[in-house]
Amino acid sequence: MAQIDASVGPARIAVGFIVGPTGAGKSALAMAVTERLNCEIVNADSRQFYRGMDLGTAKPSAEDRARVPHHLIDVRDPDESLDVAEFAQLARAAIDEIAARGRNPLVVGGSGLYLRVIRGGIFRGPAASMEIRYRLAKIAAEQGVAHLHQRLREIDPESANRIGVNDLYRIARAIEVFELTGETITAHQQRHRFADIGYDTFTVGVEVERKKLYDAIDTRFDAMVAAGLVEEVRALVEAGYSPDKPPLSTIGYKQMAAHLRGELALADAVALAKQESRRLAKRQLTWFRREPEIVWLDPERGVQDALALFEKFFRRRQN
């Protein structure tokens, strides 16, 4: 079992994290931990921020939310944006509030970037240059986005490895930062990660064997459909929210909206949503595997080990 470093002073806020891919069982584990260790949950699933998106996001039930306080759920309508910087501000306010009441903050979710910005803040970088962006957009239009991606690879190979070859926005931003500052965005981000945010953190990851994870994802999606996911999407569309724009353009909602438009049979929409969910889980695992501070739990002893680890972490921070 992992050893927990208690070398820093008691004035800092101790924040626990439970991470892992979609369908891995993070919420169930979080409920077991919170009820035993005086915790409240801070949501870091980017789709659970939105009202009316309940079934397709596997949002905690009303019963669970009555048993344990949950923060940052249902804080926006589906046509209202909530970017990473604003999330970090809201999450930190919730963490500070929980700690001020003598309880332990437990952040739970599968959105790796949102979890990272709580631990290390967000690198905002220099203000945008419309001149550079216009020039890069023109190059992309004339020579292709892949041409710009190759240019980024020559400047900043690490960023090129992280950013998809067709992700024009992020490619252009990385090149823009380099042109404006003379340093790669990777260098800025790595330096920023050493900033002290005033929290002590401990993170556990929910590990599930790949086939079991994929089976769980499929089973969960079938349960969502049986519980009324199609009707949930219909209600959101009829309320005027566009399935072509975030957050409704995400997995599950996108496919059900296509079914409602008559473009896909329900069985085909479900199959596509399951496939995309499995791909998402794979991407999430890849992201989290790069985070060296995560302690991965044995799936057979997840609850017991999580309780022991978090109890030691929170107790030492309070002494």
C-alpha atoms as a PDB file:
ATOM      1  CA  MET A   1       0.000   0.000   0.000  1.00  0.00           C
ATOM      2  CA  ALA A   2       1.248   3.502  -0.843  1.00  0.00           C
ATOM      3  CA  GLN A   3       2.912   5.646   1.807  1.00  0.00           C
ATOM      4  CA  ILE A   4       1.534   9.131   2.313  1.00  0.00           C
ATOM      5  CA  ASP A   5       3.908  12.014   2.788  1.00  0.00           C
ATOM      6  CA  ALA A   6       2.906  14.158   5.770  1.00  0.00           C
ATOM      7  CA  SER A   7       5.918  16.426   5.776  1.00  0.00           C
ATOM      8  CA  VAL A   8       4.092  19.668   5.073  1.00  0.00           C
ATOM      9  CA  GLY A   9       2.376  21.897   7.597  1.00  0.00           C
ATOM     10  CA  PRO A  10      -1.148  21.482   8.945  1.00  0.00           C
ATOM     11  CA  ALA A  11      -2.468  24.842   7.703  1.00  0.00           C
ATOM     12  CA  ARG A  12      -2.838  23.577   4.159  1.00  0.00           C
ATOM     13  CA  ILE A  13      -6.157  22.164   2.928  1.00  0.00           C
ATOM     14  CA  ALA A  14      -6.124  18.413   2.283  1.00  0.00           C
ATOM     15  CA  VAL A  15      -7.999  17.510  -0.912  1.00  0.00           C
ATOM     16  CA  GLY A  16      -8.656  13.936  -1.987  1.00  0.00           C
ATOM     17  CA  PHE A  17      -9.235  12.893  -5.592  1.00  0.00           C
ATOM     18  CA  ILE A  18     -10.899   9.839  -7.111  1.00  0.00           C
ATOM     19  CA  VAL A  19     -10.226   9.519 -10.832  1.00  0.00           C
ATOM     20  CA  GLY A  20     -10.627   6.986 -13.581  1.00  0.00           C
ATOM     21  CA  PRO A  21     -12.343   6.281 -16.885  1.00  0.00           C
ATOM     22  CA  THR A  22     -16.057   6.465 -17.538  1.00  0.00           C
ATOM     23  CA  GLY A  23     -17.934   3.460 -16.203  1.00  0.00           C
ATOM     24  CA  ALA A  24     -15.204   2.409 -13.762  1.00  0.00           C
ATOM     25  CA  GLY A  25     -17.276   2.926 -10.616  1.00  0.00           C
ATOM     26  CA  LYS A  26     -15.870   6.223  -9.298  1.00  0.00           C
ATOM     27  CA  SER A  27     -19.182   7.452  -7.910  1.00  0.00           C
ATOM     28  CA  ALA A  28     -19.891   4.295  -5.915  1.00  0.00           C
ATOM     29  CA  LEU A  29     -16.392   4.377  -4.441  1.00  0.00           C
ATOM     30  CA  ALA A  30     -16.751   8.069  -3.615  1.00  0.00           C
ATOM     31  CA  MET A  31     -20.004   7.452  -1.761  1.00  0.00           C
ATOM     32  CA  ALA A  32     -18.373   4.728   0.333  1.00  0.00           C
ATOM     33  CA  VAL A  33     -15.476   7.039   1.229  1.00  0.00           C
ATOM     34  CA  THR A  34     -17.528  10.152   1.951  1.00  0.00           C
ATOM     35  CA  GLU A  35     -19.927   8.469   4.338  1.00  0.00           C
ATOM     36  CA  ARG A  36     -17.098   7.048   6.417  1.00  0.00           C
ATOM     37  CA  LEU A  37     -14.625   9.933   6.366  1.00  0.00           C
ATOM     38  CA  ASN A  38     -16.643  13.141   6.812  1.00  0.00           C
ATOM     39  CA  CYS A  39     -16.264  14.174   3.160  1.00  0.00           C
ATOM     40  CA  GLU A  40     -18.253  16.201   0.665  1.00  0.00           C
ATOM     41  CA  ILE A  41     -17.951  15.600  -3.067  1.00  0.00           C
ATOM     42  CA  VAL A  42     -16.826  18.166  -5.640  1.00  0.00           C
ATOM     43  CA  ASN A  43     -17.856  17.086  -9.128  1.00  0.00           C
ATOM     44  CA  ALA A  44     -15.199  17.193 -11.851  1.00  0.00           C
ATOM     45  CA  ASP A  45     -17.230  15.548 -14.626  1.00  0.00           C
ATOM     46  CA  SER A  46     -17.644  18.300 -17.197  1.00  0.00           C
ATOM     47  CA  ARG A  47     -21.073  17.130 -18.360  1.00  0.00           C
ATOM     48  CA  GLN A  48     -22.642  16.886 -14.906  1.00  0.00           C
ATOM     49  CA  PHE A  49     -22.435  20.670 -14.602  1.00  0.00           C
ATOM     50  CA  TYR A  50     -25.557  20.967 -16.759  1.00  0.00           C
ATOM     51  CA  ARG A  51     -29.196  20.909 -15.692  1.00  0.00           C
ATOM     52  CA  GLY A  52     -31.453  18.411 -17.420  1.00  0.00           C
ATOM     53  CA  MET A  53     -28.564  16.175 -18.462  1.00  0.00           C
ATOM     54  CA  ASP A  54     -29.087  13.485 -15.869  1.00  0.00           C
ATOM     55  CA  LEU A  55     -29.315   9.990 -17.339  1.00  0.00           C
ATOM     56  CA  GLY A  56     -26.742  10.425 -20.088  1.00  0.00           C
ATOM     57  CA  THR A  57     -24.127  11.758 -17.668  1.00  0.00           C
ATOM     58  CA  ALA A  58     -24.713   9.137 -14.959  1.00  0.00           C
ATOM     59  CA  LYS A  59     -25.364  12.003 -12.568  1.00  0.00           C
ATOM     60  CA  PRO A  60     -25.594  10.975  -8.890  1.00  0.00           C
ATOM     61  CA  SER A  61     -29.137  10.124  -7.877  1.00  0.00           C
ATOM     62  CA  ALA A  62     -31.279  12.429  -5.763  1.00  0.00           C
ATOM     63  CA  GLU A  63     -30.926   9.914  -2.945  1.00  0.00           C
ATOM     64  CA  ASP A  64     -27.124   9.998  -3.069  1.00  0.00           C
ATOM     65  CA  ARG A  65     -27.115  13.781  -3.197  1.00  0.00           C
ATOM     66  CA  ALA A  66     -29.404  13.875  -0.170  1.00  0.00           C
ATOM     67  CA  ARG A  67     -27.096  11.543   1.742  1.00  0.00           C
ATOM     68  CA  VAL A  68     -23.861  13.353   0.840  1.00  0.00           C
ATOM     69  CA  PRO A  69     -23.462  16.997  -0.244  1.00  0.00           C
ATOM     70  CA  HIS A  70     -22.356  17.262  -3.895  1.00  0.00           C
ATOM     71  CA  HIS A  71     -20.939  20.482  -5.344  1.00  0.00           C
ATOM     72  CA  LEU A  72     -20.789  21.722  -8.973  1.00  0.00           C
ATOM     73  CA  ILE A  73     -23.722  19.671 -10.215  1.00  0.00           C
ATOM     74  CA  ASP A  74     -26.555  21.461 -12.081  1.00  0.00           C
ATOM     75  CA  VAL A  75     -24.765  24.817 -12.060  1.00  0.00           C
ATOM     76  CA  ARG A  76     -25.452  25.738 -15.696  1.00  0.00           C
ATOM     77  CA  ASP A  77     -28.190  25.391 -18.302  1.00  0.00           C
ATOM     78  CA  PRO A  78     -27.119  23.478 -21.427  1.00  0.00           C
ATOM     79  CA  ASP A  79     -26.753  26.693 -23.434  1.00  0.00           C
ATOM     80  CA  GLU A  80     -24.435  28.307 -20.875  1.00  0.00           C
ATOM     81  CA  SER A  81     -20.700  27.726 -21.109  1.00  0.00           C
ATOM     82  CA  LEU A  82     -18.420  26.809 -18.250  1.00  0.00           C
ATOM     83  CA  ASP A  83     -14.789  26.834 -19.285  1.00  0.00           C
ATOM     84  CA  VAL A  84     -11.863  25.277 -17.471  1.00  0.00           C
ATOM     85  CA  ALA A  85     -10.737  28.520 -15.844  1.00  0.00           C
ATOM     86  CA  GLU A  86     -14.207  29.202 -14.436  1.00  0.00           C
ATOM     87  CA  PHE A  87     -14.479  25.611 -13.266  1.00  0.00           C
ATOM     88  CA  ALA A  88     -11.201  25.952 -11.378  1.00  0.00           C
ATOM     89  CA  GLN A  89     -12.487  29.082  -9.659  1.00  0.00           C
ATOM     90  CA  LEU A  90     -15.783  27.431  -8.657  1.00  0.00           C
ATOM     91  CA  ALA A  91     -14.099  24.219  -7.548  1.00  0.00           C
ATOM     92  CA  ARG A  92     -11.620  26.034  -5.344  1.00  0.00           C
ATOM     93  CA  ALA A  93     -14.395  28.070  -3.773  1.00  0.00           C
ATOM     94  CA  ALA A  94     -16.255  24.830  -2.985  1.00  0.00           C
ATOM     95  CA  ILE A  95     -13.102  23.217  -1.576  1.00  0.00           C
ATOM     96  CA  ASP A  96     -12.409  26.218   0.661  1.00  0.00           C
ATOM     97  CA  GLU A  97     -16.022  26.245   1.865  1.00  0.00           C
ATOM     98  CA  ILE A  98     -15.998  22.525   2.673  1.00  0.00           C
ATOM     99  CA  ALA A  99     -12.716  22.811   4.581  1.00  0.00           C
ATOM    100  CA  ALA A 100     -13.944  25.874   6.491  1.00  0.00           C
ATOM    101  CA  ARG A 101     -16.811  23.761   7.834  1.00  0.00           C
ATOM    102  CA  GLY A 102     -14.377  21.148   9.098  1.00  0.00           C
ATOM    103  CA  ARG A 103     -15.142  18.567   6.445  1.00  0.00           C
ATOM    104  CA  ASN A 104     -12.902  16.879   3.868  1.00  0.00           C
ATOM    105  CA  PRO A 105     -13.159  17.806   0.154  1.00  0.00           C
ATOM    106  CA  LEU A 106     -13.209  14.825  -2.220  1.00  0.00           C
ATOM    107  CA  VAL A 107     -12.996  15.672  -5.934  1.00  0.00           C
ATOM    108  CA  VAL A 108     -14.450  13.010  -8.221  1.00  0.00           C
ATOM    109  CA  GLY A 109     -14.493  12.758 -12.005  1.00  0.00           C
ATOM    110  CA  GLY A 110     -13.072  11.518 -15.249  1.00  0.00           C
ATOM    111  CA  SER A 111     -12.270  14.860 -16.911  1.00  0.00           C
ATOM    112  CA  GLY A 112      -8.492  14.861 -16.580  1.00  0.00           C
ATOM    113  CA  LEU A 113      -7.911  18.500 -17.464  1.00  0.00           C
ATOM    114  CA  TYR A 114     -10.485  19.679 -14.924  1.00  0.00           C
ATOM    115  CA  LEU A 115      -8.838  17.598 -12.227  1.00  0.00           C
ATOM    116  CA  ARG A 116      -5.394  18.868 -13.146  1.00  0.00           C
ATOM    117  CA  VAL A 117      -6.311  22.542 -12.915  1.00  0.00           C
ATOM    118  CA  ILE A 118      -7.544  22.113  -9.336  1.00  0.00           C
ATOM    119  CA  ARG A 119      -4.208  20.622  -8.327  1.00  0.00           C
ATOM    120  CA  GLY A 120      -2.009  22.989 -10.298  1.00  0.00           C
ATOM    121  CA  GLY A 121      -4.073  25.888 -11.529  1.00  0.00           C
ATOM    122  CA  ILE A 122      -4.358  26.848 -15.175  1.00  0.00           C
ATOM    123  CA  PHE A 123      -1.744  28.356 -17.456  1.00  0.00           C
ATOM    124  CA  ARG A 124      -3.500  31.257 -19.152  1.00  0.00           C
ATOM    125  CA  GLY A 125      -0.618  32.340 -21.351  1.00  0.00           C
ATOM    126  CA  PRO A 126      -0.296  35.561 -23.335  1.00  0.00           C
ATOM    127  CA  ALA A 127      -3.333  37.322 -24.770  1.00  0.00           C
ATOM    128  CA  ALA A 128      -4.418  36.166 -28.202  1.00  0.00           C
ATOM    129  CA  SER A 129      -2.938  37.821 -31.276  1.00  0.00           C
ATOM    130  CA  MET A 130      -5.554  38.185 -34.005  1.00  0.00           C
ATOM    131  CA  GLU A 131      -2.785  38.825 -36.535  1.00  0.00           C
ATOM    132  CA  ILE A 132      -1.059  35.509 -35.760  1.00  0.00           C
ATOM    133  CA  ARG A 133      -4.333  33.594 -35.627  1.00  0.00           C
ATOM    134  CA  TYR A 134      -5.466  34.954 -38.970  1.00  0.00           C
ATOM    135  CA  ARG A 135      -2.146  34.075 -40.550  1.00  0.00           C
ATOM    136  CA  LEU A 136      -2.180  30.532 -39.161  1.00  0.00           C
ATOM    137  CA  ALA A 137      -5.809  30.026 -40.202  1.00  0.00           C
ATOM    138  CA  LYS A 138      -4.881  31.096 -43.745  1.00  0.00           C
ATOM    139  CA  ILE A 139      -1.974  28.635 -43.820  1.00  0.00           C
ATOM    140  CA  ALA A 140      -4.292  25.859 -42.607  1.00  0.00           C
ATOM    141  CA  ALA A 141      -6.843  26.703 -45.299  1.00  0.00           C
ATOM    142  CA  GLU A 142      -4.241  26.742 -48.066  1.00  0.00           C
ATOM    143  CA  GLN A 143      -1.884  23.938 -46.993  1.00  0.00           C
ATOM    144  CA  GLY A 144      -3.915  21.886 -44.535  1.00  0.00           C
ATOM    145  CA  VAL A 145      -4.015  21.592 -40.759  1.00  0.00           C
ATOM    146  CA  ALA A 146      -1.487  18.749 -40.930  1.00  0.00           C
ATOM    147  CA  HIS A 147       1.062  21.222 -42.287  1.00  0.00           C
ATOM    148  CA  LEU A 148       0.674  23.368 -39.176  1.00  0.00           C
ATOM    149  CA  HIS A 149       0.860  20.279 -36.977  1.00  0.00           C
ATOM    150  CA  GLN A 150       4.189  19.367 -38.553  1.00  0.00           C
ATOM    151  CA  ARG A 151       5.399  22.899 -37.925  1.00  0.00           C
ATOM    152  CA  LEU A 152       4.400  22.538 -34.274  1.00  0.00           C
ATOM    153  CA  ARG A 153       6.280  19.239 -34.095  1.00  0.00           C
ATOM    154  CA  GLU A 154       9.456  21.019 -35.196  1.00  0.00           C
ATOM    155  CA  ILE A 155       8.941  23.707 -32.513  1.00  0.00           C
ATOM    156  CA  ASP A 156       7.510  21.643 -29.653  1.00  0.00           C
ATOM    157  CA  PRO A 157       7.451  17.855 -30.148  1.00  0.00           C
ATOM    158  CA  GLU A 158       5.797  17.243 -26.773  1.00  0.00           C
ATOM    159  CA  SER A 159       2.840  19.443 -27.632  1.00  0.00           C
ATOM    160  CA  ALA A 160       2.575  17.834 -31.052  1.00  0.00           C
ATOM    161  CA  ASN A 161       2.349  14.427 -29.389  1.00  0.00           C
ATOM    162  CA  ARG A 162      -0.473  15.631 -27.137  1.00  0.00           C
ATOM    163  CA  ILE A 163      -2.471  17.559 -29.739  1.00  0.00           C
ATOM    164  CA  GLY A 164      -4.402  15.810 -32.479  1.00  0.00           C
ATOM    165  CA  VAL A 165      -3.282  16.384 -36.046  1.00  0.00           C
ATOM    166  CA  ASN A 166      -6.650  17.986 -36.928  1.00  0.00           C
ATOM    167  CA  ASP A 167      -7.085  20.099 -33.782  1.00  0.00           C
ATOM    168  CA  LEU A 168      -6.550  23.479 -35.427  1.00  0.00           C
ATOM    169  CA  TYR A 169      -7.442  25.567 -32.372  1.00  0.00           C
ATOM    170  CA  ARG A 170      -4.906  23.949 -30.028  1.00  0.00           C
ATOM    171  CA  ILE A 171      -2.213  23.689 -32.726  1.00  0.00           C
ATOM    172  CA  ALA A 172      -2.591  27.385 -33.531  1.00  0.00           C
ATOM    173  CA  ARG A 173      -2.571  28.344 -29.843  1.00  0.00           C
ATOM    174  CA  ALA A 174       0.654  26.412 -29.201  1.00  0.00           C
ATOM    175  CA  ILE A 175       2.371  28.070 -32.177  1.00  0.00           C
ATOM    176  CA  GLU A 176       0.970  31.453 -31.131  1.00  0.00           C
ATOM    177  CA  VAL A 177       2.394  31.127 -27.605  1.00  0.00           C
ATOM    178  CA  PHE A 178       5.808  30.260 -29.037  1.00  0.00           C
ATOM    179  CA  GLU A 179       5.782  33.207 -31.425  1.00  0.00           C
ATOM    180  CA  LEU A 180       4.660  35.640 -28.727  1.00  0.00           C
ATOM    181  CA  THR A 181       6.986  34.502 -25.923  1.00  0.00           C
ATOM    182  CA  GLY A 182       9.893  32.690 -27.568  1.00  0.00           C
ATOM    183  CA  GLU A 183       9.150  29.646 -25.392  1.00  0.00           C
ATOM    184  CA  THR A 184       7.107  26.558 -26.117  1.00  0.00           C
ATOM    185  CA  ILE A 185       3.740  26.137 -24.466  1.00  0.00           C
ATOM    186  CA  THR A 186       5.101  22.906 -22.965  1.00  0.00           C
ATOM    187  CA  ALA A 187       7.825  24.874 -21.149  1.00  0.00           C
ATOM    188  CA  HIS A 188       5.264  27.345 -19.823  1.00  0.00           C
ATOM    189  CA  GLN A 189       2.958  24.571 -18.625  1.00  0.00           C
ATOM    190  CA  GLN A 190       5.709  22.579 -16.951  1.00  0.00           C
ATOM    191  CA  ARG A 191       6.967  25.640 -15.104  1.00  0.00           C
ATOM    192  CA  HIS A 192       3.432  26.508 -14.084  1.00  0.00           C
ATOM    193  CA  ARG A 193       2.877  23.052 -12.598  1.00  0.00           C
ATOM    194  CA  PHE A 194       5.382  23.832  -9.843  1.00  0.00           C
ATOM    195  CA  ALA A 195       3.255  26.705  -8.547  1.00  0.00           C
ATOM    196  CA  ASP A 196       2.053  26.147  -4.985  1.00  0.00           C
ATOM    197  CA  ILE A 197      -1.765  26.331  -4.796  1.00  0.00           C
ATOM    198  CA  GLY A 198      -2.030  25.817  -1.058  1.00  0.00           C
ATOM    199  CA  TYR A 199      -3.489  22.310  -1.153  1.00  0.00           C
ATOM    200  CA  ASP A 200      -2.090  18.949  -0.184  1.00  0.00           C
ATOM    201  CA  THR A 201      -3.533  16.365  -2.513  1.00  0.00           C
ATOM    202  CA  PHE A 202      -3.814  12.612  -2.666  1.00  0.00           C
ATOM    203  CA  THR A 203      -5.256  10.843  -5.701  1.00  0.00           C
ATOM    204  CA  VAL A 204      -6.498   7.315  -6.207  1.00  0.00           C
ATOM    205  CA  GLY A 205      -7.415   5.837  -9.561  1.00  0.00           C
ATOM    206  CA  VAL A 206     -10.123   3.242 -10.109  1.00  0.00           C
ATOM    207  CA  GLU A 207      -8.559   0.437 -12.120  1.00  0.00           C
ATOM    208  CA  VAL A 208     -10.724  -2.090 -13.957  1.00  0.00           C
ATOM    209  CA  GLU A 209      -9.557  -4.791 -16.346  1.00  0.00           C
ATOM    210  CA  ARG A 210     -10.223  -3.591 -19.890  1.00  0.00           C
ATOM    211  CA  LYS A 211     -12.835  -6.188 -20.885  1.00  0.00           C
ATOM    212  CA  LYS A 212     -14.743  -5.747 -17.628  1.00  0.00           C
ATOM    213  CA  LEU A 213     -14.645  -1.990 -18.089  1.00  0.00           C
ATOM    214  CA  TYR A 214     -16.031  -2.201 -21.609  1.00  0.00           C
ATOM    215  CA  ASP A 215     -18.741  -4.629 -20.488  1.00  0.00           C
ATOM    216  CA  ALA A 216     -19.662  -2.247 -17.655  1.00  0.00           C
ATOM    217  CA  ILE A 217     -19.862   0.663 -20.109  1.00  0.00           C
ATOM    218  CA  ASP A 218     -22.207  -1.310 -22.379  1.00  0.00           C
ATOM    219  CA  THR A 219     -24.398  -2.425 -19.486  1.00  0.00           C
ATOM    220  CA  ARG A 220     -24.603   1.085 -18.082  1.00  0.00           C
ATOM    221  CA  PHE A 221     -25.626   2.559 -21.419  1.00  0.00           C
ATOM    222  CA  ASP A 222     -28.369  -0.032 -21.824  1.00  0.00           C
ATOM    223  CA  ALA A 223     -29.614   0.978 -18.368  1.00  0.00           C
ATOM    224  CA  MET A 224     -29.595   4.657 -19.393  1.00  0.00           C
ATOM    225  CA  VAL A 225     -31.742   3.917 -22.433  1.00  0.00           C
ATOM    226  CA  ALA A 226     -34.112   1.762 -20.391  1.00  0.00           C
ATOM    227  CA  ALA A 227     -34.438   4.566 -17.840  1.00  0.00           C
ATOM    228  CA  GLY A 228     -35.498   7.064 -20.514  1.00  0.00           C
ATOM    229  CA  LEU A 229     -32.419   8.580 -22.156  1.00  0.00           C
ATOM    230  CA  VAL A 230     -34.218   9.047 -25.483  1.00  0.00           C
ATOM    231  CA  GLU A 231     -36.980  10.975 -23.728  1.00  0.00           C
ATOM    232  CA  GLU A 232     -34.392  13.068 -21.852  1.00  0.00           C
ATOM    233  CA  VAL A 233     -32.737  14.072 -25.131  1.00  0.00           C
ATOM    234  CA  ARG A 234     -36.128  14.768 -26.725  1.00  0.00           C
ATOM    235  CA  ALA A 235     -37.054  17.102 -23.867  1.00  0.00           C
ATOM    236  CA  LEU A 236     -33.758  18.989 -24.148  1.00  0.00           C
ATOM    237  CA  VAL A 237     -34.101  19.424 -27.914  1.00  0.00           C
ATOM    238  CA  GLU A 238     -37.724  20.529 -27.590  1.00  0.00           C
ATOM    239  CA  ALA A 239     -36.603  23.059 -24.968  1.00  0.00           C
ATOM    240  CA  GLY A 240     -34.436  24.653 -27.657  1.00  0.00           C
ATOM    241  CA  TYR A 241     -30.998  23.261 -26.833  1.00  0.00           C
ATOM    242  CA  SER A 242     -29.011  22.340 -29.930  1.00  0.00           C
ATOM    243  CA  PRO A 243     -27.644  18.789 -30.201  1.00  0.00           C
ATOM    244  CA  ASP A 244     -24.998  20.170 -32.568  1.00  0.00           C
ATOM    245  CA  LYS A 245     -23.386  22.300 -29.850  1.00  0.00           C
ATOM    246  CA  PRO A 246     -21.735  21.436 -26.532  1.00  0.00           C
ATOM    247  CA  PRO A 247     -22.700  19.985 -24.164  1.00  0.00           C
ATOM    248  CA  LEU A 248     -25.420  18.094 -26.083  1.00  0.00           C
ATOM    249  CA  SER A 249     -22.985  17.216 -28.862  1.00  0.00           C
ATOM    250  CA  THR A 250     -21.283  14.756 -26.497  1.00  0.00           C
ATOM    251  CA  ILE A 251     -21.459  10.971 -26.356  1.00  0.00           C
ATOM    252  CA  GLY A 252     -24.897   9.507 -25.868  1.00  0.00           C
ATOM    253  CA  TYR A 253     -26.792  12.723 -26.483  1.00  0.00           C
ATOM    254  CA  LYS A 254     -25.407  13.112 -29.992  1.00  0.00           C
ATOM    255  CA  GLN A 255     -26.401   9.598 -31.036  1.00  0.00           C
ATOM    256  CA  MET A 256     -29.864   9.775 -29.447  1.00  0.00           C
ATOM    257  CA  ALA A 257     -30.475  13.106 -31.178  1.00  0.00           C
ATOM    258  CA  ALA A 258     -29.567  11.504 -34.508  1.00  0.00           C
ATOM    259  CA  HIS A 259     -32.079   8.752 -33.750  1.00  0.00           C
ATOM    260  CA  LEU A 260     -34.781  11.321 -32.987  1.00  0.00           C
ATOM    261  CA  ARG A 261     -34.086  13.014 -36.339  1.00  0.00           C
ATOM    262  CA  GLY A 262     -34.636   9.687 -38.069  1.00  0.00           C
ATOM    263  CA  GLU A 263     -31.003   9.343 -39.132  1.00  0.00           C
ATOM    264  CA  LEU A 264     -30.271   6.210 -37.062  1.00  0.00           C
ATOM    265  CA  ALA A 265     -32.264   3.276 -35.806  1.00  0.00           C
ATOM    266  CA  LEU A 266     -32.225   3.114 -32.023  1.00  0.00           C
ATOM    267  CA  ALA A 267     -30.093  -0.035 -32.011  1.00  0.00           C
ATOM    268  CA  ASP A 268     -27.515   1.616 -34.275  1.00  0.00           C
ATOM    269  CA  ALA A 269     -27.478   4.799 -32.168  1.00  0.00           C
ATOM    270  CA  VAL A 270     -26.933   2.739 -29.019  1.00  0.00           C
ATOM    271  CA  ALA A 271     -24.129   0.746 -30.656  1.00  0.00           C
ATOM    272  CA  LEU A 272     -22.371   3.941 -31.786  1.00  0.00           C
ATOM    273  CA  ALA A 273     -22.704   5.524 -28.353  1.00  0.00           C
ATOM    274  CA  LYS A 274     -21.228   2.452 -26.689  1.00  0.00           C
ATOM    275  CA  GLN A 275     -18.338   2.435 -29.140  1.00  0.00           C
ATOM    276  CA  GLU A 276     -17.605   6.119 -28.512  1.00  0.00           C
ATOM    277  CA  SER A 277     -17.848   5.571 -24.749  1.00  0.00           C
ATOM    278  CA  ARG A 278     -15.262   2.796 -24.943  1.00  0.00           C
ATOM    279  CA  ARG A 279     -12.967   5.053 -26.958  1.00  0.00           C
ATOM    280  CA  LEU A 280     -13.424   7.812 -24.397  1.00  0.00           C
ATOM    281  CA  ALA A 281     -12.506   5.409 -21.600  1.00  0.00           C
ATOM    282  CA  LYS A 282      -9.333   4.469 -23.459  1.00  0.00           C
ATOM    283  CA  ARG A 283      -8.363   8.142 -23.876  1.00  0.00           C
ATOM    284  CA  GLN A 284      -9.059   8.847 -20.226  1.00  0.00           C
ATOM    285  CA  LEU A 285      -6.881   5.922 -19.149  1.00  0.00           C
ATOM    286  CA  THR A 286      -4.079   7.161 -21.386  1.00  0.00           C
ATOM    287  CA  TRP A 287      -4.334  10.611 -19.782  1.00  0.00           C
ATOM    288  CA  PHE A 288      -4.372   9.345 -16.211  1.00  0.00           C
ATOM    289  CA  ARG A 289      -1.528   6.895 -16.785  1.00  0.00           C
ATOM    290  CA  ARG A 290       0.674   9.932 -17.419  1.00  0.00           C
ATOM    291  CA  GLU A 291      -0.061  11.304 -13.942  1.00  0.00           C
ATOM    292  CA  PRO A 292       2.661   9.841 -11.693  1.00  0.00           C
ATOM    293  CA  GLU A 293       0.999  10.776  -8.391  1.00  0.00           C
ATOM    294  CA  ILE A 294      -2.055   8.530  -8.884  1.00  0.00           C
ATOM    295  CA  VAL A 295      -2.274   5.421  -6.685  1.00  0.00           C
ATOM    296  CA  TRP A 296      -4.146   2.773  -8.664  1.00  0.00           C
ATOM    297  CA  LEU A 297      -6.445   0.576  -6.629  1.00  0.00           C
ATOM    298  CA  ASP A 298      -6.799  -3.165  -7.008  1.00  0.00           C
ATOM    299  CA  PRO A 299     -10.378  -3.646  -8.273  1.00  0.00           C
ATOM    300  CA  GLU A 300     -11.004  -6.455  -5.781  1.00  0.00           C
ATOM    301  CA  ARG A 301     -10.009  -4.301  -2.779  1.00  0.00           C
ATOM    302  CA  GLY A 302     -10.874  -0.838  -4.036  1.00  0.00           C
ATOM    303  CA  VAL A 303     -13.189   0.247  -1.224  1.00  0.00           C
ATOM    304  CA  GLN A 304     -11.063  -1.150   1.610  1.00  0.00           C
ATOM    305  CA  ASP A 305      -7.837   0.281   0.246  1.00  0.00           C
ATOM    306  CA  ALA A 306      -9.405   3.649  -0.573  1.00  0.00           C
ATOM    307  CA  LEU A 307     -10.810   3.977   2.937  1.00  0.00           C
ATOM    308  CA  ALA A 308      -7.465   3.111   4.511  1.00  0.00           C
ATOM    309  CA  LEU A 309      -5.500   5.480   2.278  1.00  0.00           C
ATOM    310  CA  PHE A 310      -7.844   8.444   2.562  1.00  0.00           C
ATOM    311  CA  GLU A 311      -8.300   7.972   6.307  1.00  0.00           C
ATOM    312  CA  LYS A 312      -4.524   8.128   6.790  1.00  0.00           C
ATOM    313  CA  PHE A 313      -4.224  11.115   4.446  1.00  0.00           C
ATOM    314  CA  PHE A 314      -6.974  13.209   6.022  1.00  0.00           C
ATOM    315  CA  ARG A 315      -5.989  12.285   9.590  1.00  0.00           C
ATOM    316  CA  ARG A 316      -2.345  13.266   9.115  1.00  0.00           C
ATOM    317  CA  ARG A 317      -3.310  16.552   7.522  1.00  0.00           C
ATOM    318  CA  GLN A 318      -5.444  17.375  10.560  1.00  0.00           C
ATOM    319  CA  ASN A 319      -2.688  16.643  13.108  1.00  0.00           C
END
